[in-house]
Amino acid sequence: MATTPLPDSHTEPDGSAVIRVLSYNIRSMRDDTDALARVISACAPDLVLIQEAPRFFRWRKKLARLAAASGQMILSGGAPAAGPALLCSLRATVERTEDVLLPLTPGQFRRGFATAVVRFGGARLGVLSCHLSLDADERHEQGAMLLDRVAALGTPHVVAGGDLNDLPDGRTFERLAASLQDGWATRPWGAEHTWIRDAPHRRIDAVFATKGIEVLGCGVPLGHPGVTERDLRAATDHLPVLAALRVPAS
């Protein structure tokens, strides 16, 4: 449970930025969208890394309604990225966005990345949201593609997150954690498990950051002011991951 509050977002005198990043599988907004918006709003994120955004009929309108209800704006993704999406607060200055479709394996779902480059104060940051495959071999290949895409963003610092469909001791999760900081493992805060719909409870969602970023706290925001367990259970079938990060000035 969260015991101490995460720091609020702010820009420091040297140009570095403290930001909040929320990663959230929203199950195509098929559940209680009011509860979903309340959870996002209470976390006060600067960036929201979404998985399973609406992809079909009027998908953009649905995502725009969620963004407006939670104090965010659509940054990228949705249907063009096969589900991952990015939202941002008005604090972000957007340089560019790109939606990336990954190779389709017969018999599997299409996957993709939603990416962007943004600035907060003097800090320039690459951002990536992902939802990796249920198939172990395909997921491992997508992990390598994720790391390649992180490098290709061309920014000094990157935050990536999403639904990995893998456990911390799985080979894809370990592949990512070998190159990037796993937020929960680096500075645990709140609760750990993001999938609690059946036993055993497990952590299959994560926020990662490149090495130069300072992780100030990361975990499921149980006990965070304004976030209720009732809303978390009503909003979608995953629990979100909230991270506070200090990004150096570029």
Protein backbone atom coordinates (compact mmCIF):
# COMPACT_ATOMS: atom_id res chain seq x y z
CA MET A 1 0.00 0.00 0.00
CA ALA A 2 1.12 3.56 -0.64
CA THR A 3 2.42 4.98 2.63
CA THR A 4 4.08 8.21 1.55
CA PRO A 5 2.82 10.42 -1.28
CA LEU A 6 4.73 10.61 -4.52
CA PRO A 7 6.16 14.05 -5.30
CA ASP A 8 4.01 16.38 -7.33
CA SER A 9 5.05 17.21 -10.88
CA HIS A 10 7.28 20.24 -11.15
CA THR A 11 10.24 21.72 -12.98
CA GLU A 12 13.39 22.32 -10.97
CA PRO A 13 15.70 25.37 -11.21
CA ASP A 14 18.30 23.45 -13.25
CA GLY A 15 15.68 22.60 -15.91
CA SER A 16 15.18 18.99 -14.83
CA ALA A 17 11.59 17.80 -14.49
CA VAL A 18 9.78 15.66 -11.97
CA ILE A 19 6.96 13.91 -13.80
CA ARG A 20 4.31 11.31 -13.07
CA VAL A 21 3.82 8.47 -15.55
CA LEU A 22 0.82 6.12 -15.43
CA SER A 23 0.69 2.82 -17.35
CA TYR A 24 -2.80 1.33 -17.65
CA ASN A 25 -4.49 -1.48 -19.57
CA ILE A 26 -8.03 -0.13 -19.99
CA ARG A 27 -9.64 -3.17 -21.67
CA SER A 28 -11.03 -1.14 -24.57
CA MET A 29 -13.12 0.91 -22.13
CA ARG A 30 -15.61 -1.95 -21.76
CA ASP A 31 -16.03 -1.44 -18.01
CA ASP A 32 -16.87 1.57 -15.82
CA THR A 33 -15.42 4.53 -17.73
CA ASP A 34 -16.34 6.99 -14.97
CA ALA A 35 -14.28 4.95 -12.49
CA LEU A 36 -11.47 4.76 -15.04
CA ALA A 37 -11.42 8.55 -15.44
CA ARG A 38 -11.47 9.05 -11.67
CA VAL A 39 -8.44 6.78 -11.21
CA ILE A 40 -6.46 8.58 -13.91
CA SER A 41 -7.42 12.02 -12.59
CA ALA A 42 -6.48 11.14 -9.01
CA CYS A 43 -3.02 10.00 -10.12
CA ALA A 44 -2.43 13.42 -11.78
CA PRO A 45 -0.14 12.01 -14.48
CA ASP A 46 1.85 14.00 -16.99
CA LEU A 47 1.88 10.98 -19.31
CA VAL A 48 -0.53 8.05 -19.56
CA LEU A 49 0.74 4.92 -21.32
CA ILE A 50 -2.41 3.07 -22.33
CA GLN A 51 -2.88 -0.50 -23.51
CA GLU A 52 -6.03 -1.89 -25.12
CA ALA A 53 -7.32 1.51 -26.16
CA PRO A 54 -10.49 1.34 -28.29
CA ARG A 55 -9.59 0.30 -31.84
CA PHE A 56 -12.84 -0.03 -33.76
CA PHE A 57 -16.08 1.94 -34.25
CA ARG A 58 -15.62 5.58 -33.12
CA TRP A 59 -12.42 4.65 -31.30
CA ARG A 60 -11.00 8.17 -31.43
CA LYS A 61 -14.16 9.70 -30.00
CA LYS A 62 -14.14 7.23 -27.08
CA LEU A 63 -10.49 7.90 -26.32
CA ALA A 64 -11.05 11.66 -26.57
CA ARG A 65 -13.88 11.43 -24.04
CA LEU A 66 -11.64 9.57 -21.60
CA ALA A 67 -8.87 12.11 -22.09
CA ALA A 68 -11.23 15.03 -21.48
CA ALA A 69 -12.79 13.39 -18.42
CA SER A 70 -9.38 12.74 -16.86
CA GLY A 71 -7.70 16.06 -17.67
CA GLN A 72 -5.55 14.73 -20.50
CA MET A 73 -5.09 15.10 -24.25
CA ILE A 74 -4.55 12.42 -26.90
CA LEU A 75 -0.90 12.25 -27.87
CA SER A 76 -0.67 9.21 -30.15
CA GLY A 77 -1.74 5.63 -30.74
CA GLY A 78 -5.07 3.86 -30.53
CA ALA A 79 -6.16 2.03 -33.67
CA PRO A 80 -3.06 3.02 -35.72
CA ALA A 81 -0.83 1.35 -33.11
CA ALA A 82 -3.12 -1.70 -32.68
CA GLY A 83 -4.12 -0.74 -29.15
CA PRO A 84 -1.34 1.09 -27.29
CA ALA A 85 -1.92 4.83 -26.91
CA LEU A 86 -0.41 7.84 -25.19
CA LEU A 87 -2.17 10.66 -23.36
CA CYS A 88 -0.48 13.73 -21.92
CA SER A 89 -1.23 16.73 -19.78
CA LEU A 90 -0.98 20.30 -21.01
CA ARG A 91 2.39 20.48 -19.27
CA ALA A 92 3.98 18.48 -22.11
CA THR A 93 5.44 20.17 -25.18
CA VAL A 94 5.15 17.70 -28.05
CA GLU A 95 7.95 17.40 -30.60
CA ARG A 96 6.75 14.40 -32.60
CA THR A 97 4.73 11.20 -32.47
CA GLU A 98 4.88 7.88 -34.32
CA ASP A 99 2.65 4.82 -34.30
CA VAL A 100 4.51 1.57 -35.03
CA LEU A 101 2.92 -1.70 -36.17
CA LEU A 102 4.90 -4.84 -35.38
CA PRO A 103 5.13 -7.86 -37.70
CA LEU A 104 2.00 -9.99 -37.62
CA THR A 105 2.43 -13.63 -36.62
CA PRO A 106 -0.31 -15.88 -38.10
CA GLY A 107 -2.77 -16.87 -35.41
CA GLN A 108 -1.76 -14.04 -33.07
CA PHE A 109 -3.16 -10.55 -32.45
CA ARG A 110 -1.58 -7.58 -34.20
CA ARG A 111 0.65 -5.60 -31.85
CA GLY A 112 2.25 -2.18 -31.99
CA PHE A 113 3.93 0.66 -30.12
CA ALA A 114 2.65 4.18 -29.51
CA THR A 115 5.65 6.52 -29.30
CA ALA A 116 6.38 10.21 -28.88
CA VAL A 117 9.08 12.70 -28.03
CA VAL A 118 8.06 15.38 -25.54
CA ARG A 119 9.63 18.06 -23.36
CA PHE A 120 8.95 19.12 -19.79
CA GLY A 121 10.90 22.25 -18.92
CA GLY A 122 14.47 21.56 -19.98
CA ALA A 123 13.99 17.78 -20.03
CA ARG A 124 13.56 16.02 -23.38
CA LEU A 125 12.01 12.57 -23.18
CA GLY A 126 11.11 9.68 -25.46
CA VAL A 127 7.94 7.77 -24.55
CA LEU A 128 6.68 4.33 -25.57
CA SER A 129 3.57 2.33 -24.69
CA CYS A 130 3.41 -1.39 -25.47
CA HIS A 131 1.24 -4.47 -25.09
CA LEU A 132 3.32 -7.57 -25.75
CA SER A 133 2.20 -10.92 -27.09
CA LEU A 134 0.72 -13.80 -25.14
CA ASP A 135 2.99 -16.13 -27.11
CA ALA A 136 6.36 -16.48 -25.35
CA ASP A 137 8.54 -16.61 -28.48
CA GLU A 138 6.79 -13.72 -30.20
CA ARG A 139 6.86 -11.73 -26.96
CA HIS A 140 10.62 -12.23 -26.66
CA GLU A 141 11.13 -10.93 -30.21
CA GLN A 142 8.90 -7.95 -29.46
CA GLY A 143 11.02 -7.20 -26.39
CA ALA A 144 14.04 -6.86 -28.67
CA MET A 145 12.03 -4.60 -31.02
CA LEU A 146 11.05 -2.46 -28.04
CA LEU A 147 14.68 -1.92 -27.08
CA ASP A 148 15.53 -1.10 -30.69
CA ARG A 149 12.71 1.44 -30.80
CA VAL A 150 13.85 3.00 -27.50
CA ALA A 151 17.29 3.52 -29.06
CA ALA A 152 15.77 4.84 -32.30
CA LEU A 153 13.82 7.60 -30.52
CA GLY A 154 17.08 9.53 -30.40
CA THR A 155 16.50 11.15 -27.02
CA PRO A 156 18.85 11.16 -24.02
CA HIS A 157 16.11 9.73 -21.79
CA VAL A 158 13.20 7.36 -22.43
CA VAL A 159 10.30 5.98 -20.40
CA ALA A 160 8.56 2.84 -21.67
CA GLY A 161 5.77 0.88 -20.12
CA GLY A 162 2.86 -1.38 -20.63
CA ASP A 163 1.28 -4.78 -20.30
CA LEU A 164 4.14 -7.22 -20.80
CA ASN A 165 2.13 -10.44 -20.42
CA ASP A 166 5.24 -11.72 -18.66
CA LEU A 167 6.47 -12.14 -15.09
CA PRO A 168 9.58 -10.46 -13.63
CA ASP A 169 11.47 -13.75 -13.88
CA GLY A 170 10.32 -14.34 -17.47
CA ARG A 171 12.89 -14.05 -20.23
CA THR A 172 11.23 -11.04 -21.94
CA PHE A 173 10.79 -9.10 -18.70
CA GLU A 174 14.40 -9.90 -17.77
CA ARG A 175 15.57 -8.84 -21.23
CA LEU A 176 14.02 -5.41 -20.75
CA ALA A 177 15.20 -5.07 -17.15
CA ALA A 178 18.77 -5.83 -18.20
CA SER A 179 18.84 -2.66 -20.32
CA LEU A 180 16.31 -0.43 -18.56
CA GLN A 181 15.41 0.36 -14.97
CA ASP A 182 12.35 -1.56 -13.79
CA GLY A 183 10.53 1.09 -11.75
CA TRP A 184 9.11 -1.23 -9.10
CA ALA A 185 12.39 -3.09 -8.59
CA THR A 186 14.33 0.19 -8.42
CA ARG A 187 12.13 2.14 -5.98
CA PRO A 188 9.02 0.20 -4.90
CA TRP A 189 6.03 2.23 -3.78
CA GLY A 190 2.37 1.34 -3.39
CA ALA A 191 1.44 -2.24 -4.22
CA GLU A 192 3.18 -4.71 -6.52
CA HIS A 193 0.69 -6.92 -8.32
CA THR A 194 -1.15 -5.61 -11.36
CA TRP A 195 -3.22 -8.73 -12.12
CA ILE A 196 -5.41 -9.84 -9.20
CA ARG A 197 -8.44 -11.29 -11.01
CA ASP A 198 -7.32 -14.84 -10.24
CA ALA A 199 -4.64 -16.58 -8.21
CA PRO A 200 -1.77 -16.29 -8.02
CA HIS A 201 -1.68 -12.50 -8.11
CA ARG A 202 1.19 -11.30 -10.29
CA ARG A 203 3.01 -8.31 -11.75
CA ILE A 204 2.67 -8.33 -15.54
CA ASP A 205 2.61 -4.54 -16.11
CA ALA A 206 5.59 -2.25 -15.62
CA VAL A 207 7.14 1.16 -16.17
CA PHE A 208 10.78 1.19 -17.33
CA ALA A 209 13.20 4.10 -17.60
CA THR A 210 16.62 4.57 -19.10
CA LYS A 211 19.54 4.72 -16.69
CA GLY A 212 19.88 8.51 -16.42
CA ILE A 213 16.37 8.94 -15.03
CA GLU A 214 15.92 8.89 -11.25
CA VAL A 215 13.01 6.70 -10.13
CA LEU A 216 11.36 8.38 -7.12
CA GLY A 217 8.71 5.72 -6.62
CA CYS A 218 6.76 3.20 -8.70
CA GLY A 219 3.88 0.80 -8.10
CA VAL A 220 0.14 0.26 -8.08
CA PRO A 221 -1.45 3.37 -6.50
CA LEU A 222 -3.47 1.57 -3.82
CA GLY A 223 -3.84 4.04 -0.96
CA HIS A 224 -2.97 7.02 -3.16
CA PRO A 225 -5.24 9.99 -2.36
CA GLY A 226 -8.42 9.83 -4.43
CA VAL A 227 -7.81 6.29 -5.71
CA THR A 228 -10.28 3.82 -4.22
CA GLU A 229 -10.12 0.04 -4.42
CA ARG A 230 -13.72 0.07 -5.65
CA ASP A 231 -12.81 2.29 -8.62
CA LEU A 232 -9.73 0.22 -9.40
CA ARG A 233 -11.78 -2.96 -9.57
CA ALA A 234 -14.61 -1.34 -11.57
CA ALA A 235 -12.44 0.49 -14.11
CA THR A 236 -10.80 -2.46 -15.91
CA ASP A 237 -9.30 -5.90 -15.28
CA HIS A 238 -5.71 -4.66 -14.71
CA LEU A 239 -4.39 -2.40 -11.97
CA PRO A 240 -2.36 0.61 -13.13
CA VAL A 241 1.29 1.38 -12.45
CA LEU A 242 2.15 4.92 -11.34
CA ALA A 243 5.73 6.18 -11.35
CA ALA A 244 7.30 9.47 -10.27
CA LEU A 245 10.51 10.18 -12.20
CA ARG A 246 13.11 12.91 -12.18
CA VAL A 247 14.28 13.51 -15.75
CA PRO A 248 17.53 15.50 -16.11
CA ALA A 249 17.65 18.57 -18.29
CA SER A 250 18.85 17.70 -21.77
